[in-house]
């Protein structure tokens, strides 16, 4: 996973290769750290995800929904494949 900051202050997490439970756990740690630092705009870029596990996506979306609701963080998703997009929609994001 690559983390970079755009000029407008939005934190971008670029997920690479495989998304599963262990990837999501480390991602959640970085997300929590960014949020604790006061970041209010976060973008997750899935354009380099080659495959994913539905359970990992479910954990991630549950965490994102919680952050959106409780901490009022603006979280965006981009680069979702058809399968990822369908999973995200089914999970309520």
PDB file of N, CA and C in Angstrom:
ATOM      1  N   UNK A   1       0.847  -1.171   0.000  1.00  0.00           N
ATOM      2  CA  UNK A   1       0.000   0.000   0.000  1.00  0.00           C
ATOM      3  C   UNK A   1       0.893   1.235   0.000  1.00  0.00           C
ATOM      4  N   UNK A   2       0.573   2.166  -0.850  1.00  0.00           N
ATOM      5  CA  UNK A   2       1.277   3.445  -0.885  1.00  0.00           C
ATOM      6  C   UNK A   2       0.395   4.511  -0.248  1.00  0.00           C
ATOM      7  N   UNK A   3       0.999   5.416   0.460  1.00  0.00           N
ATOM      8  CA  UNK A   3       0.264   6.525   1.055  1.00  0.00           C
ATOM      9  C   UNK A   3       0.892   7.810   0.551  1.00  0.00           C
ATOM     10  N   UNK A   4       0.088   8.688   0.029  1.00  0.00           N
ATOM     11  CA  UNK A   4       0.615   9.973  -0.421  1.00  0.00           C
ATOM     12  C   UNK A   4      -0.388  11.069  -0.121  1.00  0.00           C
ATOM     13  N   UNK A   5       0.081  12.281  -0.065  1.00  0.00           N
ATOM     14  CA  UNK A   5      -0.775  13.418   0.233  1.00  0.00           C
ATOM     15  C   UNK A   5      -0.838  14.306  -1.004  1.00  0.00           C
ATOM     16  N   UNK A   6      -2.032  14.652  -1.406  1.00  0.00           N
ATOM     17  CA  UNK A   6      -2.199  15.576  -2.520  1.00  0.00           C
ATOM     18  C   UNK A   6      -2.060  17.000  -2.023  1.00  0.00           C
ATOM     19  N   UNK A   7      -1.964  17.913  -2.936  1.00  0.00           N
ATOM     20  CA  UNK A   7      -1.798  19.327  -2.584  1.00  0.00           C
ATOM     21  C   UNK A   7      -2.999  19.885  -1.827  1.00  0.00           C
ATOM     22  N   UNK A   8      -4.180  19.352  -2.109  1.00  0.00           N
ATOM     23  CA  UNK A   8      -5.367  19.875  -1.420  1.00  0.00           C
ATOM     24  C   UNK A   8      -5.528  19.295  -0.021  1.00  0.00           C
ATOM     25  N   UNK A   9      -4.544  18.523   0.431  1.00  0.00           N
ATOM     26  CA  UNK A   9      -4.581  17.988   1.786  1.00  0.00           C
ATOM     27  C   UNK A   9      -5.287  16.658   1.919  1.00  0.00           C
ATOM     28  N   UNK A  10      -5.789  16.134   0.829  1.00  0.00           N
ATOM     29  CA  UNK A  10      -6.481  14.846   0.874  1.00  0.00           C
ATOM     30  C   UNK A  10      -5.454  13.714   0.961  1.00  0.00           C
ATOM     31  N   UNK A  11      -5.617  12.825   1.914  1.00  0.00           N
ATOM     32  CA  UNK A  11      -4.721  11.688   2.058  1.00  0.00           C
ATOM     33  C   UNK A  11      -5.197  10.594   1.109  1.00  0.00           C
ATOM     34  N   UNK A  12      -4.270  10.072   0.300  1.00  0.00           N
ATOM     35  CA  UNK A  12      -4.604   9.040  -0.672  1.00  0.00           C
ATOM     36  C   UNK A  12      -3.916   7.740  -0.278  1.00  0.00           C
ATOM     37  N   UNK A  13      -4.707   6.698  -0.101  1.00  0.00           N
ATOM     38  CA  UNK A  13      -4.192   5.361   0.150  1.00  0.00           C
ATOM     39  C   UNK A  13      -4.340   4.587  -1.150  1.00  0.00           C
ATOM     40  N   UNK A  14      -3.240   4.132  -1.694  1.00  0.00           N
ATOM     41  CA  UNK A  14      -3.283   3.368  -2.942  1.00  0.00           C
ATOM     42  C   UNK A  14      -3.032   1.900  -2.597  1.00  0.00           C
ATOM     43  N   UNK A  15      -4.084   1.102  -2.723  1.00  0.00           N
ATOM     44  CA  UNK A  15      -4.000  -0.309  -2.399  1.00  0.00           C
ATOM     45  C   UNK A  15      -3.470  -1.048  -3.613  1.00  0.00           C
ATOM     46  N   UNK A  16      -2.504  -1.949  -3.399  1.00  0.00           N
ATOM     47  CA  UNK A  16      -1.884  -2.663  -4.510  1.00  0.00           C
ATOM     48  C   UNK A  16      -2.080  -4.169  -4.354  1.00  0.00           C
ATOM     49  N   UNK A  17      -2.234  -4.829  -5.474  1.00  0.00           N
ATOM     50  CA  UNK A  17      -2.251  -6.279  -5.607  1.00  0.00           C
ATOM     51  C   UNK A  17      -3.465  -6.952  -4.977  1.00  0.00           C
ATOM     52  N   UNK A  18      -3.383  -7.327  -3.697  1.00  0.00           N
ATOM     53  CA  UNK A  18      -4.407  -8.172  -3.076  1.00  0.00           C
ATOM     54  C   UNK A  18      -5.005  -7.489  -1.852  1.00  0.00           C
ATOM     55  N   UNK A  19      -6.311  -7.559  -1.731  1.00  0.00           N
ATOM     56  CA  UNK A  19      -7.009  -7.003  -0.562  1.00  0.00           C
ATOM     57  C   UNK A  19      -7.616  -8.166   0.206  1.00  0.00           C
ATOM     58  N   UNK A  20      -7.119  -8.400   1.407  1.00  0.00           N
ATOM     59  CA  UNK A  20      -7.657  -9.464   2.253  1.00  0.00           C
ATOM     60  C   UNK A  20      -7.678  -8.981   3.705  1.00  0.00           C
ATOM     61  N   UNK A  21      -7.975  -9.875   4.615  1.00  0.00           N
ATOM     62  CA  UNK A  21      -8.082  -9.499   6.023  1.00  0.00           C
ATOM     63  C   UNK A  21      -6.817  -8.891   6.597  1.00  0.00           C
ATOM     64  N   UNK A  22      -5.649  -9.455   6.266  1.00  0.00           N
ATOM     65  CA  UNK A  22      -4.408  -8.915   6.828  1.00  0.00           C
ATOM     66  C   UNK A  22      -4.062  -7.560   6.209  1.00  0.00           C
ATOM     67  N   UNK A  23      -4.330  -7.396   4.915  1.00  0.00           N
ATOM     68  CA  UNK A  23      -4.117  -6.100   4.269  1.00  0.00           C
ATOM     69  C   UNK A  23      -4.992  -5.040   4.918  1.00  0.00           C
ATOM     70  N   UNK A  24      -6.251  -5.408   5.158  1.00  0.00           N
ATOM     71  CA  UNK A  24      -7.205  -4.469   5.743  1.00  0.00           C
ATOM     72  C   UNK A  24      -6.807  -4.093   7.160  1.00  0.00           C
ATOM     73  N   UNK A  25      -6.299  -5.041   7.935  1.00  0.00           N
ATOM     74  CA  UNK A  25      -5.867  -4.721   9.306  1.00  0.00           C
ATOM     75  C   UNK A  25      -4.754  -3.673   9.294  1.00  0.00           C
ATOM     76  N   UNK A  26      -3.764  -3.830   8.424  1.00  0.00           N
ATOM     77  CA  UNK A  26      -2.693  -2.831   8.380  1.00  0.00           C
ATOM     78  C   UNK A  26      -3.212  -1.509   7.815  1.00  0.00           C
ATOM     79  N   UNK A  27      -4.116  -1.600   6.844  1.00  0.00           N
ATOM     80  CA  UNK A  27      -4.712  -0.398   6.279  1.00  0.00           C
ATOM     81  C   UNK A  27      -5.495   0.380   7.332  1.00  0.00           C
ATOM     82  N   UNK A  28      -6.247  -0.352   8.144  1.00  0.00           N
ATOM     83  CA  UNK A  28      -7.039   0.276   9.197  1.00  0.00           C
ATOM     84  C   UNK A  28      -6.126   1.013  10.179  1.00  0.00           C
ATOM     85  N   UNK A  29      -4.973   0.444  10.462  1.00  0.00           N
ATOM     86  CA  UNK A  29      -4.023   1.095  11.361  1.00  0.00           C
ATOM     87  C   UNK A  29      -3.581   2.439  10.771  1.00  0.00           C
ATOM     88  N   UNK A  30      -3.257   2.462   9.484  1.00  0.00           N
ATOM     89  CA  UNK A  30      -2.857   3.707   8.827  1.00  0.00           C
ATOM     90  C   UNK A  30      -4.015   4.696   8.739  1.00  0.00           C
ATOM     91  N   UNK A  31      -5.205   4.196   8.455  1.00  0.00           N
ATOM     92  CA  UNK A  31      -6.382   5.077   8.407  1.00  0.00           C
ATOM     93  C   UNK A  31      -6.624   5.727   9.764  1.00  0.00           C
ATOM     94  N   UNK A  32      -6.582   4.909  10.819  1.00  0.00           N
ATOM     95  CA  UNK A  32      -6.782   5.450  12.171  1.00  0.00           C
ATOM     96  C   UNK A  32      -5.720   6.492  12.513  1.00  0.00           C
ATOM     97  N   UNK A  33      -4.489   6.238  12.101  1.00  0.00           N
ATOM     98  CA  UNK A  33      -3.405   7.186  12.363  1.00  0.00           C
ATOM     99  C   UNK A  33      -3.664   8.510  11.640  1.00  0.00           C
ATOM    100  N   UNK A  34      -4.064   8.434  10.371  1.00  0.00           N
ATOM    101  CA  UNK A  34      -4.366   9.654   9.604  1.00  0.00           C
ATOM    102  C   UNK A  34      -5.511  10.430  10.248  1.00  0.00           C
ATOM    103  N   UNK A  35      -6.530   9.706  10.692  1.00  0.00           N
ATOM    104  CA  UNK A  35      -7.686  10.349  11.320  1.00  0.00           C
ATOM    105  C   UNK A  35      -7.282  10.976  12.652  1.00  0.00           C
ATOM    106  N   UNK A  36      -6.457  10.261  13.429  1.00  0.00           N
ATOM    107  CA  UNK A  36      -5.973  10.811  14.704  1.00  0.00           C
ATOM    108  C   UNK A  36      -5.148  12.073  14.497  1.00  0.00           C
ATOM    109  N   UNK A  37      -4.488  12.183  13.334  1.00  0.00           N
ATOM    110  CA  UNK A  37      -3.712  13.388  13.016  1.00  0.00           C
ATOM    111  C   UNK A  37      -4.605  14.544  12.554  1.00  0.00           C
ATOM    112  N   UNK A  38      -5.912  14.278  12.413  1.00  0.00           N
ATOM    113  CA  UNK A  38      -6.847  15.334  12.056  1.00  0.00           C
ATOM    114  C   UNK A  38      -7.248  15.388  10.599  1.00  0.00           C
ATOM    115  N   UNK A  39      -6.854  14.386   9.813  1.00  0.00           N
ATOM    116  CA  UNK A  39      -7.238  14.370   8.402  1.00  0.00           C
ATOM    117  C   UNK A  39      -8.751  14.220   8.283  1.00  0.00           C
ATOM    118  N   UNK A  40      -9.336  14.990   7.385  1.00  0.00           N
ATOM    119  CA  UNK A  40     -10.791  14.960   7.205  1.00  0.00           C
ATOM    120  C   UNK A  40     -11.211  14.459   5.833  1.00  0.00           C
ATOM    121  N   UNK A  41     -10.247  14.365   4.893  1.00  0.00           N
ATOM    122  CA  UNK A  41     -10.538  13.881   3.543  1.00  0.00           C
ATOM    123  C   UNK A  41      -9.573  12.742   3.208  1.00  0.00           C
ATOM    124  N   UNK A  42     -10.146  11.577   2.957  1.00  0.00           N
ATOM    125  CA  UNK A  42      -9.333  10.407   2.651  1.00  0.00           C
ATOM    126  C   UNK A  42      -9.873   9.768   1.374  1.00  0.00           C
ATOM    127  N   UNK A  43      -8.973   9.387   0.494  1.00  0.00           N
ATOM    128  CA  UNK A  43      -9.351   8.727  -0.745  1.00  0.00           C
ATOM    129  C   UNK A  43      -8.653   7.378  -0.802  1.00  0.00           C
ATOM    130  N   UNK A  44      -9.419   6.317  -1.064  1.00  0.00           N
ATOM    131  CA  UNK A  44      -8.857   4.985  -1.244  1.00  0.00           C
ATOM    132  C   UNK A  44      -8.862   4.677  -2.726  1.00  0.00           C
ATOM    133  N   UNK A  45      -7.690   4.414  -3.258  1.00  0.00           N
ATOM    134  CA  UNK A  45      -7.534   4.129  -4.682  1.00  0.00           C
ATOM    135  C   UNK A  45      -7.357   2.621  -4.883  1.00  0.00           C
ATOM    136  N   UNK A  46      -8.344   2.001  -5.517  1.00  0.00           N
ATOM    137  CA  UNK A  46      -8.338   0.556  -5.747  1.00  0.00           C
ATOM    138  C   UNK A  46      -7.879   0.192  -7.159  1.00  0.00           C
ATOM    139  N   UNK A  47      -7.350   1.138  -7.922  1.00  0.00           N
ATOM    140  CA  UNK A  47      -7.032   0.880  -9.328  1.00  0.00           C
ATOM    141  C   UNK A  47      -5.938  -0.172  -9.523  1.00  0.00           C
ATOM    142  N   UNK A  48      -5.146  -0.447  -8.511  1.00  0.00           N
ATOM    143  CA  UNK A  48      -4.087  -1.457  -8.628  1.00  0.00           C
ATOM    144  C   UNK A  48      -4.408  -2.766  -7.912  1.00  0.00           C
ATOM    145  N   UNK A  49      -5.643  -2.917  -7.451  1.00  0.00           N
ATOM    146  CA  UNK A  49      -6.045  -4.166  -6.796  1.00  0.00           C
ATOM    147  C   UNK A  49      -6.330  -5.201  -7.877  1.00  0.00           C
ATOM    148  N   UNK A  50      -5.591  -6.306  -7.818  1.00  0.00           N
ATOM    149  CA  UNK A  50      -5.774  -7.364  -8.807  1.00  0.00           C
ATOM    150  C   UNK A  50      -6.833  -8.366  -8.373  1.00  0.00           C
ATOM    151  N   UNK A  51      -6.923  -8.643  -7.085  1.00  0.00           N
ATOM    152  CA  UNK A  51      -7.980  -9.507  -6.556  1.00  0.00           C
ATOM    153  C   UNK A  51      -8.230  -9.161  -5.092  1.00  0.00           C
ATOM    154  N   UNK A  52      -9.374  -9.590  -4.606  1.00  0.00           N
ATOM    155  CA  UNK A  52      -9.736  -9.273  -3.227  1.00  0.00           C
ATOM    156  C   UNK A  52     -10.572 -10.396  -2.647  1.00  0.00           C
ATOM    157  N   UNK A  53     -10.575 -10.461  -1.334  1.00  0.00           N
ATOM    158  CA  UNK A  53     -11.442 -11.384  -0.615  1.00  0.00           C
ATOM    159  C   UNK A  53     -12.626 -10.588  -0.101  1.00  0.00           C
ATOM    160  N   UNK A  54     -13.819 -11.132  -0.296  1.00  0.00           N
ATOM    161  CA  UNK A  54     -15.037 -10.443   0.107  1.00  0.00           C
ATOM    162  C   UNK A  54     -14.991 -10.127   1.606  1.00  0.00           C
ATOM    163  N   UNK A  55     -14.480 -11.065   2.404  1.00  0.00           N
ATOM    164  CA  UNK A  55     -14.435 -10.832   3.855  1.00  0.00           C
ATOM    165  C   UNK A  55     -13.537  -9.645   4.196  1.00  0.00           C
ATOM    166  N   UNK A  56     -12.427  -9.505   3.489  1.00  0.00           N
ATOM    167  CA  UNK A  56     -11.551  -8.352   3.709  1.00  0.00           C
ATOM    168  C   UNK A  56     -12.239  -7.056   3.342  1.00  0.00           C
ATOM    169  N   UNK A  57     -12.956  -7.080   2.217  1.00  0.00           N
ATOM    170  CA  UNK A  57     -13.703  -5.889   1.787  1.00  0.00           C
ATOM    171  C   UNK A  57     -14.789  -5.553   2.806  1.00  0.00           C
ATOM    172  N   UNK A  58     -15.437  -6.580   3.362  1.00  0.00           N
ATOM    173  CA  UNK A  58     -16.493  -6.351   4.362  1.00  0.00           C
ATOM    174  C   UNK A  58     -15.924  -5.670   5.614  1.00  0.00           C
ATOM    175  N   UNK A  59     -14.771  -6.124   6.057  1.00  0.00           N
ATOM    176  CA  UNK A  59     -14.125  -5.508   7.230  1.00  0.00           C
ATOM    177  C   UNK A  59     -13.781  -4.050   6.936  1.00  0.00           C
ATOM    178  N   UNK A  60     -13.227  -3.810   5.763  1.00  0.00           N
ATOM    179  CA  UNK A  60     -12.847  -2.448   5.377  1.00  0.00           C
ATOM    180  C   UNK A  60     -14.067  -1.528   5.306  1.00  0.00           C
ATOM    181  N   UNK A  61     -15.110  -1.959   4.630  1.00  0.00           N
ATOM    182  CA  UNK A  61     -16.302  -1.118   4.473  1.00  0.00           C
ATOM    183  C   UNK A  61     -16.957  -0.852   5.816  1.00  0.00           C
ATOM    184  N   UNK A  62     -17.007  -1.854   6.690  1.00  0.00           N
ATOM    185  CA  UNK A  62     -17.569  -1.647   8.031  1.00  0.00           C
ATOM    186  C   UNK A  62     -16.786  -0.569   8.769  1.00  0.00           C
ATOM    187  N   UNK A  63     -15.476  -0.617   8.669  1.00  0.00           N
ATOM    188  CA  UNK A  63     -14.626   0.385   9.309  1.00  0.00           C
ATOM    189  C   UNK A  63     -14.848   1.769   8.710  1.00  0.00           C
ATOM    190  N   UNK A  64     -14.947   1.834   7.374  1.00  0.00           N
ATOM    191  CA  UNK A  64     -15.158   3.122   6.706  1.00  0.00           C
ATOM    192  C   UNK A  64     -16.512   3.725   7.070  1.00  0.00           C
ATOM    193  N   UNK A  65     -17.540   2.903   7.120  1.00  0.00           N
ATOM    194  CA  UNK A  65     -18.864   3.393   7.501  1.00  0.00           C
ATOM    195  C   UNK A  65     -18.853   3.932   8.920  1.00  0.00           C
ATOM    196  N   UNK A  66     -18.130   3.255   9.798  1.00  0.00           N
ATOM    197  CA  UNK A  66     -18.019   3.717  11.185  1.00  0.00           C
ATOM    198  C   UNK A  66     -17.301   5.065  11.247  1.00  0.00           C
ATOM    199  N   UNK A  67     -16.215   5.207  10.495  1.00  0.00           N
ATOM    200  CA  UNK A  67     -15.469   6.485  10.466  1.00  0.00           C
ATOM    201  C   UNK A  67     -16.326   7.603   9.896  1.00  0.00           C
ATOM    202  N   UNK A  68     -17.049   7.305   8.831  1.00  0.00           N
ATOM    203  CA  UNK A  68     -17.922   8.296   8.206  1.00  0.00           C
ATOM    204  C   UNK A  68     -18.965   8.796   9.193  1.00  0.00           C
ATOM    205  N   UNK A  69     -19.562   7.861   9.904  1.00  0.00           N
ATOM    206  CA  UNK A  69     -20.669   8.195  10.799  1.00  0.00           C
ATOM    207  C   UNK A  69     -20.200   8.850  12.101  1.00  0.00           C
ATOM    208  N   UNK A  70     -19.228   8.243  12.767  1.00  0.00           N
ATOM    209  CA  UNK A  70     -18.850   8.716  14.095  1.00  0.00           C
ATOM    210  C   UNK A  70     -17.865   9.888  14.076  1.00  0.00           C
ATOM    211  N   UNK A  71     -17.008   9.931  13.070  1.00  0.00           N
ATOM    212  CA  UNK A  71     -15.965  10.956  13.063  1.00  0.00           C
ATOM    213  C   UNK A  71     -16.150  11.999  11.969  1.00  0.00           C
ATOM    214  N   UNK A  72     -17.182  11.853  11.177  1.00  0.00           N
ATOM    215  CA  UNK A  72     -17.486  12.811  10.105  1.00  0.00           C
ATOM    216  C   UNK A  72     -16.302  12.999   9.148  1.00  0.00           C
ATOM    217  N   UNK A  73     -15.720  11.895   8.728  1.00  0.00           N
ATOM    218  CA  UNK A  73     -14.600  11.898   7.799  1.00  0.00           C
ATOM    219  C   UNK A  73     -15.153  11.706   6.390  1.00  0.00           C
ATOM    220  N   UNK A  74     -14.681  12.504   5.444  1.00  0.00           N
ATOM    221  CA  UNK A  74     -15.081  12.385   4.047  1.00  0.00           C
ATOM    222  C   UNK A  74     -14.184  11.339   3.389  1.00  0.00           C
ATOM    223  N   UNK A  75     -14.746  10.156   3.109  1.00  0.00           N
ATOM    224  CA  UNK A  75     -13.977   9.063   2.533  1.00  0.00           C
ATOM    225  C   UNK A  75     -14.496   8.767   1.137  1.00  0.00           C
ATOM    226  N   UNK A  76     -13.584   8.801   0.166  1.00  0.00           N
ATOM    227  CA  UNK A  76     -13.945   8.501  -1.214  1.00  0.00           C
ATOM    228  C   UNK A  76     -13.249   7.245  -1.696  1.00  0.00           C
ATOM    229  N   UNK A  77     -13.858   6.586  -2.664  1.00  0.00           N
ATOM    230  CA  UNK A  77     -13.294   5.385  -3.276  1.00  0.00           C
ATOM    231  C   UNK A  77     -13.139   5.639  -4.764  1.00  0.00           C
ATOM    232  N   UNK A  78     -12.043   5.184  -5.337  1.00  0.00           N
ATOM    233  CA  UNK A  78     -11.862   5.327  -6.785  1.00  0.00           C
ATOM    234  C   UNK A  78     -11.167   4.090  -7.337  1.00  0.00           C
ATOM    235  N   UNK A  79     -11.303   3.883  -8.641  1.00  0.00           N
ATOM    236  CA  UNK A  79     -10.610   2.808  -9.315  1.00  0.00           C
ATOM    237  C   UNK A  79     -11.124   1.416  -9.020  1.00  0.00           C
ATOM    238  N   UNK A  80     -12.387   1.324  -8.597  1.00  0.00           N
ATOM    239  CA  UNK A  80     -12.947   0.016  -8.263  1.00  0.00           C
ATOM    240  C   UNK A  80     -13.242  -0.795  -9.525  1.00  0.00           C
ATOM    241  N   UNK A  81     -12.840  -2.058  -9.534  1.00  0.00           N
ATOM    242  CA  UNK A  81     -13.212  -2.947 -10.628  1.00  0.00           C
ATOM    243  C   UNK A  81     -14.705  -3.253 -10.494  1.00  0.00           C
ATOM    244  N   UNK A  82     -15.271  -3.873 -11.486  1.00  0.00           N
ATOM    245  CA  UNK A  82     -16.688  -4.236 -11.431  1.00  0.00           C
ATOM    246  C   UNK A  82     -17.030  -5.090 -10.222  1.00  0.00           C
ATOM    247  N   UNK A  83     -16.165  -6.078  -9.934  1.00  0.00           N
ATOM    248  CA  UNK A  83     -16.389  -6.952  -8.782  1.00  0.00           C
ATOM    249  C   UNK A  83     -16.287  -6.183  -7.470  1.00  0.00           C
ATOM    250  N   UNK A  84     -15.280  -5.336  -7.362  1.00  0.00           N
ATOM    251  CA  UNK A  84     -15.116  -4.532  -6.141  1.00  0.00           C
ATOM    252  C   UNK A  84     -16.294  -3.588  -5.958  1.00  0.00           C
ATOM    253  N   UNK A  85     -16.711  -2.959  -7.034  1.00  0.00           N
ATOM    254  CA  UNK A  85     -17.835  -2.026  -6.979  1.00  0.00           C
ATOM    255  C   UNK A  85     -19.104  -2.727  -6.520  1.00  0.00           C
ATOM    256  N   UNK A  86     -19.332  -3.915  -7.032  1.00  0.00           N
ATOM    257  CA  UNK A  86     -20.505  -4.690  -6.636  1.00  0.00           C
ATOM    258  C   UNK A  86     -20.438  -5.060  -5.163  1.00  0.00           C
ATOM    259  N   UNK A  87     -19.264  -5.474  -4.700  1.00  0.00           N
ATOM    260  CA  UNK A  87     -19.098  -5.832  -3.280  1.00  0.00           C
ATOM    261  C   UNK A  87     -19.333  -4.624  -2.383  1.00  0.00           C
ATOM    262  N   UNK A  88     -18.774  -3.477  -2.765  1.00  0.00           N
ATOM    263  CA  UNK A  88     -18.935  -2.247  -1.976  1.00  0.00           C
ATOM    264  C   UNK A  88     -20.408  -1.849  -1.903  1.00  0.00           C
ATOM    265  N   UNK A  89     -21.098  -1.949  -3.027  1.00  0.00           N
ATOM    266  CA  UNK A  89     -22.535  -1.612  -3.057  1.00  0.00           C
ATOM    267  C   UNK A  89     -23.329  -2.579  -2.185  1.00  0.00           C
ATOM    268  N   UNK A  90     -23.010  -3.863  -2.269  1.00  0.00           N
ATOM    269  CA  UNK A  90     -23.707  -4.865  -1.447  1.00  0.00           C
ATOM    270  C   UNK A  90     -23.461  -4.657   0.044  1.00  0.00           C
ATOM    271  N   UNK A  91     -22.317  -4.097   0.378  1.00  0.00           N
ATOM    272  CA  UNK A  91     -21.971  -3.865   1.771  1.00  0.00           C
ATOM    273  C   UNK A  91     -22.483  -2.533   2.303  1.00  0.00           C
ATOM    274  N   UNK A  92     -23.155  -1.760   1.444  1.00  0.00           N
ATOM    275  CA  UNK A  92     -23.840  -0.558   1.912  1.00  0.00           C
ATOM    276  C   UNK A  92     -23.048   0.725   1.897  1.00  0.00           C
ATOM    277  N   UNK A  93     -21.927   0.782   1.174  1.00  0.00           N
ATOM    278  CA  UNK A  93     -21.153   2.019   1.149  1.00  0.00           C
ATOM    279  C   UNK A  93     -21.624   2.914   0.019  1.00  0.00           C
TER     280      UNK A  93
END
